[in-house]
Structures are given as structure tokens and as C-alpha cells.
Amino acid sequence: MEKRFKKIVTNPETGRKKTVKFGQAGAAKDGGDRIRPGTQKGDAYCARSAKIKGDWKSDPNSPNNLSRKKWKCEGSKSKK
């Protein structure tokens, strides 16, 4: 299944474009959006994604950073 969101990123030095895909595809059980900032589910996602290894924090266009922005994560909490 395809990812839910995508962002086209342009390298300022070379002008090359890259598509970054992120987010879980599909809808929640009730048919609504999976991303619900400010809920218990949001807090759980933010806490879990903050512990992912690697240097995703240094790249604003990493899939993890883009997803955390959608969930409105601040540290391990999801804000409304």
C-alpha cells in the first residue's frame, strides 16, 4: 500500500527534486483520519517516534520529522 502523504523536496545546490513519502496509508476504523493530535494516541505516537535511532533530527525533510510535524509533536507529547 502507498504512503498517505508526500512532499517534493528540492536540493538548493543542485536543483534536483526528491519525493519524500510518509505517513500510514488508509483511514482509521471509524473512517476518520488516523492522525489525531492532542489525544492519548498522539502522545503514544510522539513518545514512540522520538526514540527512533538515526540522525532524522538533523534532516527537516526526513519521513519521521514530517510525520511528527503532522502529529504536532513537541518532545514526547502531542499538542492540540
PDB file of N, CA and C in Angstrom:
ATOM      1  N   MET A   1       0.831  -1.189   0.000  1.00  0.00           N
ATOM      2  CA  MET A   1       0.000   0.000   0.000  1.00  0.00           C
ATOM      3  C   MET A   1       0.877   1.255   0.000  1.00  0.00           C
ATOM      4  N   GLU A   2       0.430   2.268  -0.687  1.00  0.00           N
ATOM      5  CA  GLU A   2       1.156   3.529  -0.815  1.00  0.00           C
ATOM      6  C   GLU A   2       1.084   4.326   0.494  1.00  0.00           C
ATOM      7  N   LYS A   3       2.091   5.169   0.733  1.00  0.00           N
ATOM      8  CA  LYS A   3       2.074   6.042   1.901  1.00  0.00           C
ATOM      9  C   LYS A   3       0.991   7.111   1.723  1.00  0.00           C
ATOM     10  N   ARG A   4       0.572   7.709   2.820  1.00  0.00           N
ATOM     11  CA  ARG A   4      -0.561   8.636   2.786  1.00  0.00           C
ATOM     12  C   ARG A   4      -0.193  10.011   2.244  1.00  0.00           C
ATOM     13  N   PHE A   5       0.964  10.529   2.641  1.00  0.00           N
ATOM     14  CA  PHE A   5       1.360  11.877   2.260  1.00  0.00           C
ATOM     15  C   PHE A   5       2.681  11.849   1.506  1.00  0.00           C
ATOM     16  N   LYS A   6       2.936  12.906   0.728  1.00  0.00           N
ATOM     17  CA  LYS A   6       4.237  13.045   0.101  1.00  0.00           C
ATOM     18  C   LYS A   6       4.593  14.519   0.004  1.00  0.00           C
ATOM     19  N   LYS A   7       5.907  14.780   0.026  1.00  0.00           N
ATOM     20  CA  LYS A   7       6.399  16.146  -0.074  1.00  0.00           C
ATOM     21  C   LYS A   7       7.533  16.129  -1.089  1.00  0.00           C
ATOM     22  N   ILE A   8       7.509  17.054  -2.037  1.00  0.00           N
ATOM     23  CA  ILE A   8       8.582  17.145  -3.024  1.00  0.00           C
ATOM     24  C   ILE A   8       9.605  18.140  -2.496  1.00  0.00           C
ATOM     25  N   VAL A   9      10.849  17.665  -2.352  1.00  0.00           N
ATOM     26  CA  VAL A   9      11.921  18.462  -1.769  1.00  0.00           C
ATOM     27  C   VAL A   9      12.929  18.789  -2.863  1.00  0.00           C
ATOM     28  N   THR A  10      13.326  20.057  -2.957  1.00  0.00           N
ATOM     29  CA  THR A  10      14.306  20.481  -3.948  1.00  0.00           C
ATOM     30  C   THR A  10      15.632  20.766  -3.252  1.00  0.00           C
ATOM     31  N   ASN A  11      16.711  20.197  -3.792  1.00  0.00           N
ATOM     32  CA  ASN A  11      18.046  20.457  -3.274  1.00  0.00           C
ATOM     33  C   ASN A  11      18.459  21.852  -3.753  1.00  0.00           C
ATOM     34  N   PRO A  12      18.743  22.784  -2.833  1.00  0.00           N
ATOM     35  CA  PRO A  12      19.047  24.160  -3.238  1.00  0.00           C
ATOM     36  C   PRO A  12      20.352  24.274  -4.041  1.00  0.00           C
ATOM     37  N   GLU A  13      21.294  23.356  -3.822  1.00  0.00           N
ATOM     38  CA  GLU A  13      22.580  23.429  -4.512  1.00  0.00           C
ATOM     39  C   GLU A  13      22.490  22.910  -5.940  1.00  0.00           C
ATOM     40  N   THR A  14      21.813  21.775  -6.140  1.00  0.00           N
ATOM     41  CA  THR A  14      21.780  21.156  -7.464  1.00  0.00           C
ATOM     42  C   THR A  14      20.463  21.369  -8.196  1.00  0.00           C
ATOM     43  N   GLY A  15      19.408  21.719  -7.454  1.00  0.00           N
ATOM     44  CA  GLY A  15      18.101  21.891  -8.074  1.00  0.00           C
ATOM     45  C   GLY A  15      17.365  20.580  -8.306  1.00  0.00           C
ATOM     46  N   ARG A  16      17.947  19.467  -7.865  1.00  0.00           N
ATOM     47  CA  ARG A  16      17.307  18.158  -8.044  1.00  0.00           C
ATOM     48  C   ARG A  16      16.125  18.015  -7.097  1.00  0.00           C
ATOM     49  N   LYS A  17      15.104  17.335  -7.583  1.00  0.00           N
ATOM     50  CA  LYS A  17      13.902  17.137  -6.777  1.00  0.00           C
ATOM     51  C   LYS A  17      13.814  15.696  -6.316  1.00  0.00           C
ATOM     52  N   LYS A  18      13.319  15.519  -5.086  1.00  0.00           N
ATOM     53  CA  LYS A  18      13.173  14.191  -4.488  1.00  0.00           C
ATOM     54  C   LYS A  18      11.814  14.150  -3.806  1.00  0.00           C
ATOM     55  N   THR A  19      11.091  13.049  -3.978  1.00  0.00           N
ATOM     56  CA  THR A  19       9.799  12.899  -3.323  1.00  0.00           C
ATOM     57  C   THR A  19       9.982  12.106  -2.041  1.00  0.00           C
ATOM     58  N   VAL A  20       9.552  12.682  -0.926  1.00  0.00           N
ATOM     59  CA  VAL A  20       9.624  12.009   0.373  1.00  0.00           C
ATOM     60  C   VAL A  20       8.213  11.562   0.725  1.00  0.00           C
ATOM     61  N   LYS A  21       8.013  10.252   0.850  1.00  0.00           N
ATOM     62  CA  LYS A  21       6.695   9.718   1.204  1.00  0.00           C
ATOM     63  C   LYS A  21       6.690   9.372   2.680  1.00  0.00           C
ATOM     64  N   PHE A  22       5.577   9.669   3.357  1.00  0.00           N
ATOM     65  CA  PHE A  22       5.498   9.416   4.796  1.00  0.00           C
ATOM     66  C   PHE A  22       4.061   9.234   5.214  1.00  0.00           C
ATOM     67  N   GLY A  23       3.854   8.692   6.394  1.00  0.00           N
ATOM     68  CA  GLY A  23       2.517   8.518   6.948  1.00  0.00           C
ATOM     69  C   GLY A  23       1.907   7.183   6.573  1.00  0.00           C
ATOM     70  N   GLN A  24       1.101   6.649   7.465  1.00  0.00           N
ATOM     71  CA  GLN A  24       0.448   5.368   7.236  1.00  0.00           C
ATOM     72  C   GLN A  24      -0.744   5.563   6.313  1.00  0.00           C
ATOM     73  N   ALA A  25      -0.878   4.675   5.335  1.00  0.00           N
ATOM     74  CA  ALA A  25      -1.968   4.789   4.366  1.00  0.00           C
ATOM     75  C   ALA A  25      -3.287   4.344   4.981  1.00  0.00           C
ATOM     76  N   GLY A  26      -4.371   4.779   4.379  1.00  0.00           N
ATOM     77  CA  GLY A  26      -5.695   4.331   4.796  1.00  0.00           C
ATOM     78  C   GLY A  26      -6.293   5.174   5.906  1.00  0.00           C
ATOM     79  N   ALA A  27      -7.514   4.833   6.248  1.00  0.00           N
ATOM     80  CA  ALA A  27      -8.247   5.563   7.278  1.00  0.00           C
ATOM     81  C   ALA A  27      -8.338   4.713   8.537  1.00  0.00           C
ATOM     82  N   ALA A  28      -8.746   5.345   9.641  1.00  0.00           N
ATOM     83  CA  ALA A  28      -8.943   4.635  10.902  1.00  0.00           C
ATOM     84  C   ALA A  28     -10.216   3.786  10.813  1.00  0.00           C
ATOM     85  N   LYS A  29     -10.456   2.952  11.819  1.00  0.00           N
ATOM     86  CA  LYS A  29     -11.624   2.060  11.823  1.00  0.00           C
ATOM     87  C   LYS A  29     -12.937   2.810  11.629  1.00  0.00           C
ATOM     88  N   ASP A  30     -13.045   3.982  12.263  1.00  0.00           N
ATOM     89  CA  ASP A  30     -14.290   4.747  12.158  1.00  0.00           C
ATOM     90  C   ASP A  30     -14.380   5.566  10.864  1.00  0.00           C
ATOM     91  N   GLY A  31     -13.394   5.412   9.989  1.00  0.00           N
ATOM     92  CA  GLY A  31     -13.401   6.120   8.717  1.00  0.00           C
ATOM     93  C   GLY A  31     -12.764   7.496   8.775  1.00  0.00           C
ATOM     94  N   GLY A  32     -12.381   7.945   9.972  1.00  0.00           N
ATOM     95  CA  GLY A  32     -11.759   9.261  10.137  1.00  0.00           C
ATOM     96  C   GLY A  32     -10.271   9.227   9.853  1.00  0.00           C
ATOM     97  N   ASP A  33      -9.627  10.328  10.142  1.00  0.00           N
ATOM     98  CA  ASP A  33      -8.191  10.449   9.932  1.00  0.00           C
ATOM     99  C   ASP A  33      -7.438   9.705  11.034  1.00  0.00           C
ATOM    100  N   ARG A  34      -6.356   9.037  10.668  1.00  0.00           N
ATOM    101  CA  ARG A  34      -5.537   8.344  11.667  1.00  0.00           C
ATOM    102  C   ARG A  34      -4.815   9.334  12.573  1.00  0.00           C
ATOM    103  N   ILE A  35      -4.467  10.486  12.017  1.00  0.00           N
ATOM    104  CA  ILE A  35      -3.686  11.471  12.765  1.00  0.00           C
ATOM    105  C   ILE A  35      -4.631  12.318  13.609  1.00  0.00           C
ATOM    106  N   ARG A  36      -4.526  12.149  14.925  1.00  0.00           N
ATOM    107  CA  ARG A  36      -5.364  12.912  15.853  1.00  0.00           C
ATOM    108  C   ARG A  36      -4.481  13.554  16.920  1.00  0.00           C
ATOM    109  N   PRO A  37      -3.945  14.754  16.629  1.00  0.00           N
ATOM    110  CA  PRO A  37      -3.068  15.416  17.590  1.00  0.00           C
ATOM    111  C   PRO A  37      -3.800  15.742  18.891  1.00  0.00           C
ATOM    112  N   GLY A  38      -3.056  15.734  19.977  1.00  0.00           N
ATOM    113  CA  GLY A  38      -3.614  16.114  21.266  1.00  0.00           C
ATOM    114  C   GLY A  38      -4.398  15.004  21.952  1.00  0.00           C
ATOM    115  N   THR A  39      -4.299  13.778  21.467  1.00  0.00           N
ATOM    116  CA  THR A  39      -5.002  12.659  22.088  1.00  0.00           C
ATOM    117  C   THR A  39      -3.990  11.715  22.729  1.00  0.00           C
ATOM    118  N   GLN A  40      -4.507  10.690  23.422  1.00  0.00           N
ATOM    119  CA  GLN A  40      -3.634   9.670  24.002  1.00  0.00           C
ATOM    120  C   GLN A  40      -2.852   8.965  22.911  1.00  0.00           C
ATOM    121  N   LYS A  41      -3.538   8.692  21.804  1.00  0.00           N
ATOM    122  CA  LYS A  41      -2.908   8.031  20.666  1.00  0.00           C
ATOM    123  C   LYS A  41      -1.762   8.901  20.125  1.00  0.00           C
ATOM    124  N   GLY A  42      -1.982  10.221  20.093  1.00  0.00           N
ATOM    125  CA  GLY A  42      -0.960  11.159  19.638  1.00  0.00           C
ATOM    126  C   GLY A  42       0.244  11.161  20.559  1.00  0.00           C
ATOM    127  N   ASP A  43      -0.010  11.144  21.864  1.00  0.00           N
ATOM    128  CA  ASP A  43       1.091  11.107  22.836  1.00  0.00           C
ATOM    129  C   ASP A  43       1.900   9.824  22.673  1.00  0.00           C
ATOM    130  N   ALA A  44       1.203   8.711  22.445  1.00  0.00           N
ATOM    131  CA  ALA A  44       1.878   7.426  22.277  1.00  0.00           C
ATOM    132  C   ALA A  44       2.748   7.452  21.024  1.00  0.00           C
ATOM    133  N   TYR A  45       2.223   8.018  19.937  1.00  0.00           N
ATOM    134  CA  TYR A  45       2.989   8.102  18.689  1.00  0.00           C
ATOM    135  C   TYR A  45       4.230   8.971  18.889  1.00  0.00           C
ATOM    136  N   CYS A  46       4.072  10.126  19.522  1.00  0.00           N
ATOM    137  CA  CYS A  46       5.196  11.040  19.715  1.00  0.00           C
ATOM    138  C   CYS A  46       6.293  10.426  20.591  1.00  0.00           C
ATOM    139  N   ALA A  47       5.874   9.731  21.640  1.00  0.00           N
ATOM    140  CA  ALA A  47       6.850   9.081  22.526  1.00  0.00           C
ATOM    141  C   ALA A  47       7.605   7.987  21.772  1.00  0.00           C
ATOM    142  N   ARG A  48       6.878   7.234  20.963  1.00  0.00           N
ATOM    143  CA  ARG A  48       7.476   6.125  20.213  1.00  0.00           C
ATOM    144  C   ARG A  48       8.421   6.647  19.117  1.00  0.00           C
ATOM    145  N   SER A  49       7.975   7.661  18.384  1.00  0.00           N
ATOM    146  CA  SER A  49       8.770   8.147  17.254  1.00  0.00           C
ATOM    147  C   SER A  49       9.992   8.945  17.717  1.00  0.00           C
ATOM    148  N   ALA A  50       9.953   9.480  18.935  1.00  0.00           N
ATOM    149  CA  ALA A  50      11.101  10.224  19.458  1.00  0.00           C
ATOM    150  C   ALA A  50      12.277   9.291  19.731  1.00  0.00           C
ATOM    151  N   LYS A  51      12.002   8.003  19.952  1.00  0.00           N
ATOM    152  CA  LYS A  51      13.052   7.034  20.297  1.00  0.00           C
ATOM    153  C   LYS A  51      13.682   6.364  19.080  1.00  0.00           C
ATOM    154  N   ILE A  52      13.232   6.714  17.875  1.00  0.00           N
ATOM    155  CA  ILE A  52      13.772   6.093  16.663  1.00  0.00           C
ATOM    156  C   ILE A  52      15.234   6.488  16.507  1.00  0.00           C
ATOM    157  N   LYS A  53      16.070   5.498  16.225  1.00  0.00           N
ATOM    158  CA  LYS A  53      17.510   5.737  16.088  1.00  0.00           C
ATOM    159  C   LYS A  53      17.808   6.379  14.741  1.00  0.00           C
ATOM    160  N   GLY A  54      19.013   6.947  14.649  1.00  0.00           N
ATOM    161  CA  GLY A  54      19.444   7.582  13.409  1.00  0.00           C
ATOM    162  C   GLY A  54      19.509   9.084  13.569  1.00  0.00           C
ATOM    163  N   ASP A  55      19.891   9.758  12.483  1.00  0.00           N
ATOM    164  CA  ASP A  55      20.042  11.216  12.575  1.00  0.00           C
ATOM    165  C   ASP A  55      18.883  11.944  11.895  1.00  0.00           C
ATOM    166  N   TRP A  56      17.666  11.432  12.083  1.00  0.00           N
ATOM    167  CA  TRP A  56      16.482  12.053  11.488  1.00  0.00           C
ATOM    168  C   TRP A  56      16.236  13.454  12.026  1.00  0.00           C
ATOM    169  N   LYS A  57      16.729  13.738  13.236  1.00  0.00           N
ATOM    170  CA  LYS A  57      16.504  15.058  13.839  1.00  0.00           C
ATOM    171  C   LYS A  57      17.209  16.167  13.065  1.00  0.00           C
ATOM    172  N   SER A  58      18.322  15.821  12.404  1.00  0.00           N
ATOM    173  CA  SER A  58      19.086  16.835  11.677  1.00  0.00           C
ATOM    174  C   SER A  58      18.503  17.133  10.294  1.00  0.00           C
ATOM    175  N   ASP A  59      17.598  16.276   9.792  1.00  0.00           N
ATOM    176  CA  ASP A  59      17.008  16.470   8.467  1.00  0.00           C
ATOM    177  C   ASP A  59      15.533  16.848   8.600  1.00  0.00           C
ATOM    178  N   PRO A  60      15.175  18.109   8.321  1.00  0.00           N
ATOM    179  CA  PRO A  60      13.777  18.524   8.483  1.00  0.00           C
ATOM    180  C   PRO A  60      12.825  17.814   7.527  1.00  0.00           C
ATOM    181  N   ASN A  61      13.362  17.223   6.455  1.00  0.00           N
ATOM    182  CA  ASN A  61      12.522  16.536   5.475  1.00  0.00           C
ATOM    183  C   ASN A  61      12.582  15.022   5.596  1.00  0.00           C
ATOM    184  N   SER A  62      13.039  14.518   6.744  1.00  0.00           N
ATOM    185  CA  SER A  62      13.026  13.066   6.946  1.00  0.00           C
ATOM    186  C   SER A  62      11.575  12.635   7.173  1.00  0.00           C
ATOM    187  N   PRO A  63      11.204  11.422   6.746  1.00  0.00           N
ATOM    188  CA  PRO A  63       9.832  10.968   6.936  1.00  0.00           C
ATOM    189  C   PRO A  63       9.380  11.041   8.397  1.00  0.00           C
ATOM    190  N   ASN A  64      10.280  10.720   9.327  1.00  0.00           N
ATOM    191  CA  ASN A  64       9.907  10.758  10.746  1.00  0.00           C
ATOM    192  C   ASN A  64       9.615  12.197  11.192  1.00  0.00           C
ATOM    193  N   ASN A  65      10.450  13.141  10.778  1.00  0.00           N
ATOM    194  CA  ASN A  65      10.222  14.545  11.145  1.00  0.00           C
ATOM    195  C   ASN A  65       8.926  15.079  10.546  1.00  0.00           C
ATOM    196  N   LEU A  66       8.644  14.721   9.291  1.00  0.00           N
ATOM    197  CA  LEU A  66       7.422  15.185   8.637  1.00  0.00           C
ATOM    198  C   LEU A  66       6.186  14.612   9.325  1.00  0.00           C
ATOM    199  N   SER A  67       6.254  13.333   9.716  1.00  0.00           N
ATOM    200  CA  SER A  67       5.126  12.710  10.419  1.00  0.00           C
ATOM    201  C   SER A  67       4.926  13.341  11.792  1.00  0.00           C
ATOM    202  N   ARG A  68       6.031  13.599  12.491  1.00  0.00           N
ATOM    203  CA  ARG A  68       5.932  14.213  13.815  1.00  0.00           C
ATOM    204  C   ARG A  68       5.330  15.612  13.724  1.00  0.00           C
ATOM    205  N   LYS A  69       5.608  16.325  12.633  1.00  0.00           N
ATOM    206  CA  LYS A  69       5.026  17.652  12.434  1.00  0.00           C
ATOM    207  C   LYS A  69       3.509  17.535  12.239  1.00  0.00           C
ATOM    208  N   LYS A  70       3.053  16.525  11.485  1.00  0.00           N
ATOM    209  CA  LYS A  70       1.613  16.306  11.274  1.00  0.00           C
ATOM    210  C   LYS A  70       0.914  15.990  12.597  1.00  0.00           C
ATOM    211  N   TRP A  71       1.591  15.219  13.457  1.00  0.00           N
ATOM    212  CA  TRP A  71       1.019  14.847  14.759  1.00  0.00           C
ATOM    213  C   TRP A  71       1.173  15.972  15.778  1.00  0.00           C
ATOM    214  N   LYS A  72       1.864  17.065  15.402  1.00  0.00           N
ATOM    215  CA  LYS A  72       2.132  18.215  16.283  1.00  0.00           C
ATOM    216  C   LYS A  72       2.884  17.797  17.540  1.00  0.00           C
ATOM    217  N   CYS A  73       3.940  17.018  17.326  1.00  0.00           N
ATOM    218  CA  CYS A  73       4.744  16.522  18.451  1.00  0.00           C
ATOM    219  C   CYS A  73       5.675  17.608  18.973  1.00  0.00           C
ATOM    220  N   GLU A  74       5.730  17.709  20.299  1.00  0.00           N
ATOM    221  CA  GLU A  74       6.719  18.526  20.987  1.00  0.00           C
ATOM    222  C   GLU A  74       7.337  17.621  22.030  1.00  0.00           C
ATOM    223  N   GLY A  75       8.538  17.117  21.744  1.00  0.00           N
ATOM    224  CA  GLY A  75       9.143  16.114  22.607  1.00  0.00           C
ATOM    225  C   GLY A  75       8.355  14.830  22.495  1.00  0.00           C
ATOM    226  N   SER A  76       7.886  14.293  23.610  1.00  0.00           N
ATOM    227  CA  SER A  76       7.119  13.064  23.570  1.00  0.00           C
ATOM    228  C   SER A  76       5.631  13.299  23.801  1.00  0.00           C
ATOM    229  N   LYS A  77       5.176  14.551  23.623  1.00  0.00           N
ATOM    230  CA  LYS A  77       3.753  14.887  23.778  1.00  0.00           C
ATOM    231  C   LYS A  77       3.196  15.431  22.467  1.00  0.00           C
ATOM    232  N   SER A  78       1.931  15.179  22.240  1.00  0.00           N
ATOM    233  CA  SER A  78       1.228  15.681  21.063  1.00  0.00           C
ATOM    234  C   SER A  78       0.328  16.836  21.478  1.00  0.00           C
ATOM    235  N   LYS A  79       0.538  18.007  20.891  1.00  0.00           N
ATOM    236  CA  LYS A  79      -0.227  19.208  21.253  1.00  0.00           C
ATOM    237  C   LYS A  79      -1.447  19.343  20.349  1.00  0.00           C
ATOM    238  N   LYS A  80      -2.465  20.012  20.830  1.00  0.00           N
ATOM    239  CA  LYS A  80      -3.690  20.244  20.055  1.00  0.00           C
ATOM    240  C   LYS A  80      -3.463  21.370  19.114  1.00  0.00           C
TER     241      LYS A  80
END
